[in-house]
ModelCIF file with pLDDT and N, C-alpha, C, O atoms, coordinates in Angstrom:
data_MODEL
#
_entry.id   MODEL 
#
_entity.id                         1 
_entity.type                       polymer 
_entity.pdbx_number_of_molecules   1 
#
_entity_poly.entity_id                      1 
_entity_poly.type                           'polypeptide(L)' 
_entity_poly.nstd_linkage                   no 
_entity_poly.nstd_monomer                   no 
_entity_poly.pdbx_seq_one_letter_code       
;(UNK)(UNK)(UNK)(UNK)(UNK)(UNK)(UNK)(UNK)(UNK)(UNK)(UNK)(UNK)(UNK)(UNK)(UNK)(UNK)
(UNK)(UNK)(UNK)(UNK)(UNK)(UNK)(UNK)(UNK)(UNK)(UNK)(UNK)(UNK)(UNK)(UNK)(UNK)(UNK)
;
_entity_poly.pdbx_seq_one_letter_code_can   XXXXXXXXXXXXXXXXXXXXXXXXXXXXXXXX 
_entity_poly.pdbx_strand_id                 A 
#
loop_
_entity_poly_seq.entity_id 
_entity_poly_seq.num 
_entity_poly_seq.mon_id 
_entity_poly_seq.hetero 
1 1  UNK n 
1 2  UNK n 
1 3  UNK n 
1 4  UNK n 
1 5  UNK n 
1 6  UNK n 
1 7  UNK n 
1 8  UNK n 
1 9  UNK n 
1 10 UNK n 
1 11 UNK n 
1 12 UNK n 
1 13 UNK n 
1 14 UNK n 
1 15 UNK n 
1 16 UNK n 
1 17 UNK n 
1 18 UNK n 
1 19 UNK n 
1 20 UNK n 
1 21 UNK n 
1 22 UNK n 
1 23 UNK n 
1 24 UNK n 
1 25 UNK n 
1 26 UNK n 
1 27 UNK n 
1 28 UNK n 
1 29 UNK n 
1 30 UNK n 
1 31 UNK n 
1 32 UNK n 
#
_struct_asym.id          A 
_struct_asym.entity_id   1 
#
loop_
_ma_qa_metric.id 
_ma_qa_metric.mode 
_ma_qa_metric.name 
_ma_qa_metric.software_group_id 
_ma_qa_metric.type 
1 global pLDDT . pLDDT 
2 local  pLDDT . pLDDT 
#
_ma_qa_metric_global.metric_id      1 
_ma_qa_metric_global.metric_value   94.34 
_ma_qa_metric_global.model_id       1 
_ma_qa_metric_global.ordinal_id     1 
#
loop_
_ma_qa_metric_local.label_asym_id 
_ma_qa_metric_local.label_comp_id 
_ma_qa_metric_local.label_seq_id 
_ma_qa_metric_local.metric_id 
_ma_qa_metric_local.metric_value 
_ma_qa_metric_local.model_id 
_ma_qa_metric_local.ordinal_id 
A UNK 1  2 97.00 1 1  
A UNK 2  2 97.00 1 2  
A UNK 3  2 96.00 1 3  
A UNK 4  2 96.00 1 4  
A UNK 5  2 93.00 1 5  
A UNK 6  2 90.00 1 6  
A UNK 7  2 87.00 1 7  
A UNK 8  2 90.00 1 8  
A UNK 9  2 86.00 1 9  
A UNK 10 2 86.00 1 10 
A UNK 11 2 88.00 1 11 
A UNK 12 2 90.00 1 12 
A UNK 13 2 95.00 1 13 
A UNK 14 2 95.00 1 14 
A UNK 15 2 97.00 1 15 
A UNK 16 2 98.00 1 16 
A UNK 17 2 98.00 1 17 
A UNK 18 2 98.00 1 18 
A UNK 19 2 97.00 1 19 
A UNK 20 2 96.00 1 20 
A UNK 21 2 94.00 1 21 
A UNK 22 2 94.00 1 22 
A UNK 23 2 93.00 1 23 
A UNK 24 2 95.00 1 24 
A UNK 25 2 96.00 1 25 
A UNK 26 2 97.00 1 26 
A UNK 27 2 98.00 1 27 
A UNK 28 2 98.00 1 28 
A UNK 29 2 97.00 1 29 
A UNK 30 2 97.00 1 30 
A UNK 31 2 95.00 1 31 
A UNK 32 2 95.00 1 32 
#
loop_
_atom_site.group_PDB 
_atom_site.id 
_atom_site.type_symbol 
_atom_site.label_atom_id 
_atom_site.label_alt_id 
_atom_site.label_comp_id 
_atom_site.label_asym_id 
_atom_site.label_entity_id 
_atom_site.label_seq_id 
_atom_site.pdbx_PDB_ins_code 
_atom_site.Cartn_x 
_atom_site.Cartn_y 
_atom_site.Cartn_z 
_atom_site.occupancy 
_atom_site.B_iso_or_equiv 
_atom_site.pdbx_formal_charge 
_atom_site.auth_seq_id 
_atom_site.auth_comp_id 
_atom_site.auth_asym_id 
_atom_site.auth_atom_id 
_atom_site.pdbx_PDB_model_num 
ATOM 1   N N  . UNK A 1 1  ? 1.865  6.004   5.195   1.00 97.00 ? 1  UNK A N  1 
ATOM 2   C CA . UNK A 1 1  ? 3.308  6.159   5.458   1.00 97.00 ? 1  UNK A CA 1 
ATOM 3   C C  . UNK A 1 1  ? 4.083  6.229   4.149   1.00 97.00 ? 1  UNK A C  1 
ATOM 4   O O  . UNK A 1 1  ? 5.066  6.963   4.056   1.00 97.00 ? 1  UNK A O  1 
ATOM 5   N N  . UNK A 1 2  ? 3.658  5.476   3.135   1.00 97.00 ? 2  UNK A N  1 
ATOM 6   C CA . UNK A 1 2  ? 4.383  5.493   1.856   1.00 97.00 ? 2  UNK A CA 1 
ATOM 7   C C  . UNK A 1 2  ? 4.331  6.859   1.182   1.00 97.00 ? 2  UNK A C  1 
ATOM 8   O O  . UNK A 1 2  ? 5.207  7.194   0.385   1.00 97.00 ? 2  UNK A O  1 
ATOM 9   N N  . UNK A 1 3  ? 3.321  7.639   1.496   1.00 96.00 ? 3  UNK A N  1 
ATOM 10  C CA . UNK A 1 3  ? 3.203  8.985   0.924   1.00 96.00 ? 3  UNK A CA 1 
ATOM 11  C C  . UNK A 1 3  ? 4.264  9.941   1.488   1.00 96.00 ? 3  UNK A C  1 
ATOM 12  O O  . UNK A 1 3  ? 4.504  11.004  0.917   1.00 96.00 ? 3  UNK A O  1 
ATOM 13  N N  . UNK A 1 4  ? 4.896  9.566   2.603   1.00 96.00 ? 4  UNK A N  1 
ATOM 14  C CA . UNK A 1 4  ? 5.928  10.407  3.218   1.00 96.00 ? 4  UNK A CA 1 
ATOM 15  C C  . UNK A 1 4  ? 7.322  10.194  2.626   1.00 96.00 ? 4  UNK A C  1 
ATOM 16  O O  . UNK A 1 4  ? 8.250  10.936  2.945   1.00 96.00 ? 4  UNK A O  1 
ATOM 17  N N  . UNK A 1 5  ? 7.470  9.198   1.778   1.00 93.00 ? 5  UNK A N  1 
ATOM 18  C CA . UNK A 1 5  ? 8.784  8.877   1.219   1.00 93.00 ? 5  UNK A CA 1 
ATOM 19  C C  . UNK A 1 5  ? 9.336  10.051  0.416   1.00 93.00 ? 5  UNK A C  1 
ATOM 20  O O  . UNK A 1 5  ? 8.632  10.634  -0.408  1.00 93.00 ? 5  UNK A O  1 
ATOM 21  N N  . UNK A 1 6  ? 10.601 10.392  0.660   1.00 90.00 ? 6  UNK A N  1 
ATOM 22  C CA . UNK A 1 6  ? 11.240 11.331  -0.267  1.00 90.00 ? 6  UNK A CA 1 
ATOM 23  C C  . UNK A 1 6  ? 11.343 10.622  -1.628  1.00 90.00 ? 6  UNK A C  1 
ATOM 24  O O  . UNK A 1 6  ? 12.023 9.602   -1.739  1.00 90.00 ? 6  UNK A O  1 
ATOM 25  N N  . UNK A 1 7  ? 10.695 11.136  -2.626  1.00 87.00 ? 7  UNK A N  1 
ATOM 26  C CA . UNK A 1 7  ? 10.662 10.465  -3.919  1.00 87.00 ? 7  UNK A CA 1 
ATOM 27  C C  . UNK A 1 7  ? 11.991 10.626  -4.658  1.00 87.00 ? 7  UNK A C  1 
ATOM 28  O O  . UNK A 1 7  ? 12.582 11.705  -4.692  1.00 87.00 ? 7  UNK A O  1 
ATOM 29  N N  . UNK A 1 8  ? 12.433 9.528   -5.240  1.00 90.00 ? 8  UNK A N  1 
ATOM 30  C CA . UNK A 1 8  ? 13.639 9.521   -6.070  1.00 90.00 ? 8  UNK A CA 1 
ATOM 31  C C  . UNK A 1 8  ? 13.297 8.780   -7.362  1.00 90.00 ? 8  UNK A C  1 
ATOM 32  O O  . UNK A 1 8  ? 12.383 7.955   -7.371  1.00 90.00 ? 8  UNK A O  1 
ATOM 33  N N  . UNK A 1 9  ? 14.007 9.056   -8.441  1.00 86.00 ? 9  UNK A N  1 
ATOM 34  C CA . UNK A 1 9  ? 13.613 8.483   -9.730  1.00 86.00 ? 9  UNK A CA 1 
ATOM 35  C C  . UNK A 1 9  ? 13.837 6.983   -9.876  1.00 86.00 ? 9  UNK A C  1 
ATOM 36  O O  . UNK A 1 9  ? 13.253 6.366   -10.767 1.00 86.00 ? 9  UNK A O  1 
ATOM 37  N N  . UNK A 1 10 ? 14.667 6.378   -9.027  1.00 86.00 ? 10 UNK A N  1 
ATOM 38  C CA . UNK A 1 10 ? 15.013 4.970   -9.226  1.00 86.00 ? 10 UNK A CA 1 
ATOM 39  C C  . UNK A 1 10 ? 14.694 4.070   -8.036  1.00 86.00 ? 10 UNK A C  1 
ATOM 40  O O  . UNK A 1 10 ? 15.386 3.076   -7.816  1.00 86.00 ? 10 UNK A O  1 
ATOM 41  N N  . UNK A 1 11 ? 13.653 4.404   -7.263  1.00 88.00 ? 11 UNK A N  1 
ATOM 42  C CA . UNK A 1 11 ? 13.270 3.573   -6.124  1.00 88.00 ? 11 UNK A CA 1 
ATOM 43  C C  . UNK A 1 11 ? 11.777 3.720   -5.853  1.00 88.00 ? 11 UNK A C  1 
ATOM 44  O O  . UNK A 1 11 ? 11.171 4.754   -6.134  1.00 88.00 ? 11 UNK A O  1 
ATOM 45  N N  . UNK A 1 12 ? 11.208 2.657   -5.300  1.00 90.00 ? 12 UNK A N  1 
ATOM 46  C CA . UNK A 1 12 ? 9.791  2.660   -4.956  1.00 90.00 ? 12 UNK A CA 1 
ATOM 47  C C  . UNK A 1 12 ? 9.546  3.429   -3.661  1.00 90.00 ? 12 UNK A C  1 
ATOM 48  O O  . UNK A 1 12 ? 10.418 3.505   -2.796  1.00 90.00 ? 12 UNK A O  1 
ATOM 49  N N  . UNK A 1 13 ? 8.365  3.988   -3.543  1.00 95.00 ? 13 UNK A N  1 
ATOM 50  C CA . UNK A 1 13 ? 7.888  4.610   -2.310  1.00 95.00 ? 13 UNK A CA 1 
ATOM 51  C C  . UNK A 1 13 ? 7.021  3.569   -1.605  1.00 95.00 ? 13 UNK A C  1 
ATOM 52  O O  . UNK A 1 13 ? 5.942  3.214   -2.079  1.00 95.00 ? 13 UNK A O  1 
ATOM 53  N N  . UNK A 1 14 ? 7.511  3.089   -0.470  1.00 95.00 ? 14 UNK A N  1 
ATOM 54  C CA . UNK A 1 14 ? 6.860  1.986   0.235   1.00 95.00 ? 14 UNK A CA 1 
ATOM 55  C C  . UNK A 1 14 ? 6.632  2.377   1.681   1.00 95.00 ? 14 UNK A C  1 
ATOM 56  O O  . UNK A 1 14 ? 7.453  3.070   2.281   1.00 95.00 ? 14 UNK A O  1 
ATOM 57  N N  . UNK A 1 15 ? 5.517  1.932   2.241   1.00 97.00 ? 15 UNK A N  1 
ATOM 58  C CA . UNK A 1 15 ? 5.227  2.095   3.657   1.00 97.00 ? 15 UNK A CA 1 
ATOM 59  C C  . UNK A 1 15 ? 5.020  0.736   4.290   1.00 97.00 ? 15 UNK A C  1 
ATOM 60  O O  . UNK A 1 15 ? 4.586  -0.203  3.624   1.00 97.00 ? 15 UNK A O  1 
ATOM 61  N N  . UNK A 1 16 ? 5.328  0.625   5.579   1.00 98.00 ? 16 UNK A N  1 
ATOM 62  C CA . UNK A 1 16 ? 5.164  -0.641  6.295   1.00 98.00 ? 16 UNK A CA 1 
ATOM 63  C C  . UNK A 1 16 ? 4.713  -0.372  7.725   1.00 98.00 ? 16 UNK A C  1 
ATOM 64  O O  . UNK A 1 16 ? 5.081  0.634   8.330   1.00 98.00 ? 16 UNK A O  1 
ATOM 65  N N  . UNK A 1 17 ? 3.912  -1.289  8.249   1.00 98.00 ? 17 UNK A N  1 
ATOM 66  C CA . UNK A 1 17 ? 3.430  -1.221  9.621   1.00 98.00 ? 17 UNK A CA 1 
ATOM 67  C C  . UNK A 1 17 ? 3.575  -2.614  10.232  1.00 98.00 ? 17 UNK A C  1 
ATOM 68  O O  . UNK A 1 17 ? 3.193  -3.610  9.618   1.00 98.00 ? 17 UNK A O  1 
ATOM 69  N N  . UNK A 1 18 ? 4.129  -2.676  11.444  1.00 98.00 ? 18 UNK A N  1 
ATOM 70  C CA . UNK A 1 18 ? 4.227  -3.939  12.184  1.00 98.00 ? 18 UNK A CA 1 
ATOM 71  C C  . UNK A 1 18 ? 3.227  -3.865  13.327  1.00 98.00 ? 18 UNK A C  1 
ATOM 72  O O  . UNK A 1 18 ? 3.166  -2.873  14.053  1.00 98.00 ? 18 UNK A O  1 
ATOM 73  N N  . UNK A 1 19 ? 2.439  -4.938  13.478  1.00 97.00 ? 19 UNK A N  1 
ATOM 74  C CA . UNK A 1 19 ? 1.437  -4.993  14.541  1.00 97.00 ? 19 UNK A CA 1 
ATOM 75  C C  . UNK A 1 19 ? 1.632  -6.250  15.375  1.00 97.00 ? 19 UNK A C  1 
ATOM 76  O O  . UNK A 1 19 ? 2.194  -7.241  14.909  1.00 97.00 ? 19 UNK A O  1 
ATOM 77  N N  . UNK A 1 20 ? 1.153  -6.195  16.630  1.00 96.00 ? 20 UNK A N  1 
ATOM 78  C CA . UNK A 1 20 ? 1.249  -7.370  17.492  1.00 96.00 ? 20 UNK A CA 1 
ATOM 79  C C  . UNK A 1 20 ? 0.063  -8.303  17.243  1.00 96.00 ? 20 UNK A C  1 
ATOM 80  O O  . UNK A 1 20 ? -0.768 -8.034  16.375  1.00 96.00 ? 20 UNK A O  1 
ATOM 81  N N  . UNK A 1 21 ? -0.017 -9.392  17.999  1.00 94.00 ? 21 UNK A N  1 
ATOM 82  C CA . UNK A 1 21 ? -1.057 -10.398 17.813  1.00 94.00 ? 21 UNK A CA 1 
ATOM 83  C C  . UNK A 1 21 ? -2.455 -9.845  18.057  1.00 94.00 ? 21 UNK A C  1 
ATOM 84  O O  . UNK A 1 21 ? -3.435 -10.424 17.588  1.00 94.00 ? 21 UNK A O  1 
ATOM 85  N N  . UNK A 1 22 ? -2.562 -8.747  18.777  1.00 94.00 ? 22 UNK A N  1 
ATOM 86  C CA . UNK A 1 22 ? -3.856 -8.138  19.077  1.00 94.00 ? 22 UNK A CA 1 
ATOM 87  C C  . UNK A 1 22 ? -4.195 -6.997  18.118  1.00 94.00 ? 22 UNK A C  1 
ATOM 88  O O  . UNK A 1 22 ? -5.211 -6.323  18.289  1.00 94.00 ? 22 UNK A O  1 
ATOM 89  N N  . UNK A 1 23 ? -3.350 -6.782  17.115  1.00 93.00 ? 23 UNK A N  1 
ATOM 90  C CA . UNK A 1 23 ? -3.608 -5.749  16.130  1.00 93.00 ? 23 UNK A CA 1 
ATOM 91  C C  . UNK A 1 23 ? -3.157 -4.364  16.529  1.00 93.00 ? 23 UNK A C  1 
ATOM 92  O O  . UNK A 1 23 ? -3.507 -3.381  15.877  1.00 93.00 ? 23 UNK A O  1 
ATOM 93  N N  . UNK A 1 24 ? -2.379 -4.276  17.600  1.00 95.00 ? 24 UNK A N  1 
ATOM 94  C CA . UNK A 1 24 ? -1.860 -2.965  18.019  1.00 95.00 ? 24 UNK A CA 1 
ATOM 95  C C  . UNK A 1 24 ? -0.581 -2.659  17.247  1.00 95.00 ? 24 UNK A C  1 
ATOM 96  O O  . UNK A 1 24 ? 0.305  -3.505  17.124  1.00 95.00 ? 24 UNK A O  1 
ATOM 97  N N  . UNK A 1 25 ? -0.501 -1.440  16.734  1.00 96.00 ? 25 UNK A N  1 
ATOM 98  C CA . UNK A 1 25 ? 0.687  -1.043  15.973  1.00 96.00 ? 25 UNK A CA 1 
ATOM 99  C C  . UNK A 1 25 ? 1.901  -0.963  16.892  1.00 96.00 ? 25 UNK A C  1 
ATOM 100 O O  . UNK A 1 25 ? 1.870  -0.323  17.944  1.00 96.00 ? 25 UNK A O  1 
ATOM 101 N N  . UNK A 1 26 ? 2.965  -1.627  16.466  1.00 97.00 ? 26 UNK A N  1 
ATOM 102 C CA . UNK A 1 26 ? 4.228  -1.597  17.193  1.00 97.00 ? 26 UNK A CA 1 
ATOM 103 C C  . UNK A 1 26 ? 5.211  -0.604  16.587  1.00 97.00 ? 26 UNK A C  1 
ATOM 104 O O  . UNK A 1 26 ? 5.937  0.078   17.311  1.00 97.00 ? 26 UNK A O  1 
ATOM 105 N N  . UNK A 1 27 ? 5.234  -0.523  15.268  1.00 98.00 ? 27 UNK A N  1 
ATOM 106 C CA . UNK A 1 27 ? 6.179  0.361   14.577  1.00 98.00 ? 27 UNK A CA 1 
ATOM 107 C C  . UNK A 1 27 ? 5.729  0.558   13.133  1.00 98.00 ? 27 UNK A C  1 
ATOM 108 O O  . UNK A 1 27 ? 4.929  -0.209  12.597  1.00 98.00 ? 27 UNK A O  1 
ATOM 109 N N  . UNK A 1 28 ? 6.260  1.593   12.534  1.00 98.00 ? 28 UNK A N  1 
ATOM 110 C CA . UNK A 1 28 ? 6.017  1.884   11.130  1.00 98.00 ? 28 UNK A CA 1 
ATOM 111 C C  . UNK A 1 28 ? 7.359  2.190   10.488  1.00 98.00 ? 28 UNK A C  1 
ATOM 112 O O  . UNK A 1 28 ? 8.359  2.398   11.176  1.00 98.00 ? 28 UNK A O  1 
ATOM 113 N N  . UNK A 1 29 ? 7.368  2.213   9.185   1.00 97.00 ? 29 UNK A N  1 
ATOM 114 C CA . UNK A 1 29 ? 8.559  2.625   8.454   1.00 97.00 ? 29 UNK A CA 1 
ATOM 115 C C  . UNK A 1 29 ? 8.175  3.012   7.044   1.00 97.00 ? 29 UNK A C  1 
ATOM 116 O O  . UNK A 1 29 ? 7.124  2.618   6.538   1.00 97.00 ? 29 UNK A O  1 
ATOM 117 N N  . UNK A 1 30 ? 9.030  3.778   6.426   1.00 97.00 ? 30 UNK A N  1 
ATOM 118 C CA . UNK A 1 30 ? 8.818  4.103   5.017   1.00 97.00 ? 30 UNK A CA 1 
ATOM 119 C C  . UNK A 1 30 ? 10.170 4.241   4.336   1.00 97.00 ? 30 UNK A C  1 
ATOM 120 O O  . UNK A 1 30 ? 11.188 4.496   4.979   1.00 97.00 ? 30 UNK A O  1 
ATOM 121 N N  . UNK A 1 31 ? 10.158 4.070   3.044   1.00 95.00 ? 31 UNK A N  1 
ATOM 122 C CA . UNK A 1 31 ? 11.392 4.114   2.258   1.00 95.00 ? 31 UNK A CA 1 
ATOM 123 C C  . UNK A 1 31 ? 12.118 5.437   2.460   1.00 95.00 ? 31 UNK A C  1 
ATOM 124 O O  . UNK A 1 31 ? 11.514 6.509   2.420   1.00 95.00 ? 31 UNK A O  1 
ATOM 125 N N  . UNK A 1 32 ? 13.423 5.341   2.678   1.00 95.00 ? 32 UNK A N  1 
ATOM 126 C CA . UNK A 1 32 ? 14.296 6.498   2.849   1.00 95.00 ? 32 UNK A CA 1 
ATOM 127 C C  . UNK A 1 32 ? 13.961 7.322   4.093   1.00 95.00 ? 32 UNK A C  1 
ATOM 128 O O  . UNK A 1 32 ? 14.617 8.329   4.362   1.00 95.00 ? 32 UNK A O  1 
#
């Protein structure tokens, strides 16, 4: 997911994934 970030010169490219107690993905997000 972090590879999808629109790159800008003054910010990090970050990806995140939220999972439930059973390891199932609930949501994702990425910078910008």
